[in-house]
Amino acid sequence: MLEETRANFWTGKAPCWEMFNCPKMIQEECPASKYQALPCWEIEGTYCKLDDYGTSGMDIRICETCQVYKKWGNGQLINLKLFGKGINSSLKALKKLA
C-alpha cells in the first residue's frame, strides 16, 4: 500500500496542479495532490484523466501529450501504480458542484 508519507515526487518541481492552475475544488478532489509520492501520470483517476464520458481515469493517452509529463517524466513509460484513490465521477458531475 502506498503511504502518503513517502517521499514527495514533487519536491523541487512545479506540481501539475500549479502548472495548470487548478481551482481549489479540483486540488482537493484530485488524487495527484493527495498522493504526492507519485507523479500524476502514475495515479488512476486524476482530474486530467477523466473526460465528459465518465471514464474510470485509467486512460493515460492524455499524459503522453501533457506538458507536466514532458517536463518531469524523463521519457519513461507511463504505468499506473496507484488505483482506487481517484475521482470516481465524470467532469460533468464535478462541474455541477462548482
Protein backbone atom coordinates (compact mmCIF):
# COMPACT_ATOMS: atom_id res chain seq x y z
CA MET A 1 0.00 0.00 0.00
CA LEU A 2 1.28 3.44 -0.92
CA GLU A 3 1.62 5.69 2.08
CA GLU A 4 1.01 9.41 1.88
CA THR A 5 4.13 9.95 4.00
CA ARG A 6 6.59 8.56 1.42
CA ALA A 7 9.00 10.91 -0.30
CA ASN A 8 7.29 13.66 -2.25
CA PHE A 9 7.86 13.28 -6.02
CA TRP A 10 7.14 16.98 -6.46
CA THR A 11 9.87 18.28 -4.13
CA GLY A 12 11.81 20.87 -6.09
CA LYS A 13 9.39 20.66 -9.04
CA ALA A 14 6.31 22.61 -10.03
CA PRO A 15 3.44 20.14 -9.45
CA CYS A 16 0.77 19.56 -12.07
CA TRP A 17 -1.97 21.38 -10.12
CA GLU A 18 0.20 24.51 -10.05
CA MET A 19 1.27 24.25 -13.69
CA PHE A 20 -2.40 24.04 -14.73
CA ASN A 21 -3.66 26.50 -12.12
CA CYS A 22 -6.27 24.00 -10.93
CA PRO A 23 -9.05 25.55 -8.86
CA LYS A 24 -9.04 24.71 -5.16
CA MET A 25 -12.06 22.41 -5.58
CA ILE A 26 -10.15 20.29 -8.12
CA GLN A 27 -6.99 20.25 -5.98
CA GLU A 28 -9.00 18.97 -3.01
CA GLU A 29 -10.59 16.15 -5.04
CA CYS A 30 -7.75 15.13 -7.33
CA PRO A 31 -5.52 12.32 -6.06
CA ALA A 32 -2.45 13.96 -7.62
CA SER A 33 -2.33 16.49 -4.79
CA LYS A 34 -3.29 13.92 -2.13
CA TYR A 35 -0.71 11.27 -3.05
CA GLN A 36 2.39 13.31 -3.79
CA ALA A 37 4.76 10.34 -3.53
CA LEU A 38 3.89 9.57 -7.16
CA PRO A 39 3.73 11.75 -10.24
CA CYS A 40 0.23 12.43 -11.52
CA TRP A 41 0.66 10.22 -14.61
CA GLU A 42 1.07 7.15 -12.37
CA ILE A 43 -2.21 7.71 -10.50
CA GLU A 44 -5.54 6.39 -11.75
CA GLY A 45 -8.48 8.79 -11.66
CA THR A 46 -6.74 12.14 -11.70
CA TYR A 47 -8.84 15.04 -12.88
CA CYS A 48 -6.96 15.23 -16.19
CA LYS A 49 -7.60 11.55 -16.99
CA LEU A 50 -11.37 11.91 -16.74
CA ASP A 51 -13.48 13.08 -19.63
CA ASP A 52 -17.05 14.05 -20.42
CA TYR A 53 -17.99 10.40 -20.84
CA GLY A 54 -17.11 9.47 -17.27
CA THR A 55 -14.18 7.13 -17.91
CA SER A 56 -12.59 5.46 -14.93
CA GLY A 57 -9.46 7.55 -15.21
CA MET A 58 -7.20 4.76 -16.42
CA ASP A 59 -6.63 6.16 -19.91
CA ILE A 60 -3.09 7.56 -19.99
CA ARG A 61 -3.19 8.91 -23.55
CA ILE A 62 -3.64 12.47 -22.29
CA CYS A 63 -0.46 12.07 -20.22
CA GLU A 64 1.61 11.32 -23.32
CA THR A 65 0.94 14.82 -24.65
CA CYS A 66 0.86 16.63 -21.30
CA GLN A 67 3.37 19.41 -20.57
CA VAL A 68 3.81 18.15 -16.99
CA TYR A 69 4.77 14.63 -18.12
CA LYS A 70 7.03 16.04 -20.83
CA LYS A 71 8.81 18.21 -18.26
CA TRP A 72 9.15 15.71 -15.39
CA GLY A 73 8.57 12.26 -16.93
CA ASN A 74 12.04 11.88 -18.41
CA GLY A 75 10.61 9.91 -21.33
CA GLN A 76 9.87 6.89 -19.13
CA LEU A 77 6.98 4.60 -19.98
CA ILE A 78 3.75 5.54 -18.24
CA ASN A 79 2.50 2.87 -15.85
CA LEU A 80 -0.32 3.42 -13.41
CA LYS A 81 0.81 2.49 -9.90
CA LEU A 82 -1.97 3.78 -7.62
CA PHE A 83 -5.51 2.52 -8.12
CA GLY A 84 -8.81 3.10 -6.36
CA LYS A 85 -7.96 6.52 -4.94
CA GLY A 86 -9.06 8.62 -7.92
CA ILE A 87 -12.03 10.76 -8.70
CA ASN A 88 -14.92 8.38 -9.36
CA SER A 89 -17.17 10.71 -11.32
CA SER A 90 -17.21 12.41 -14.67
CA LEU A 91 -16.23 16.00 -15.30
CA LYS A 92 -19.86 16.86 -15.81
CA ALA A 93 -20.67 15.78 -12.26
CA LEU A 94 -17.74 17.77 -10.91
CA LYS A 95 -18.83 20.87 -12.80
CA LYS A 96 -22.23 20.66 -11.11
CA LEU A 97 -20.51 21.03 -7.74
CA ALA A 98 -18.84 24.28 -8.77
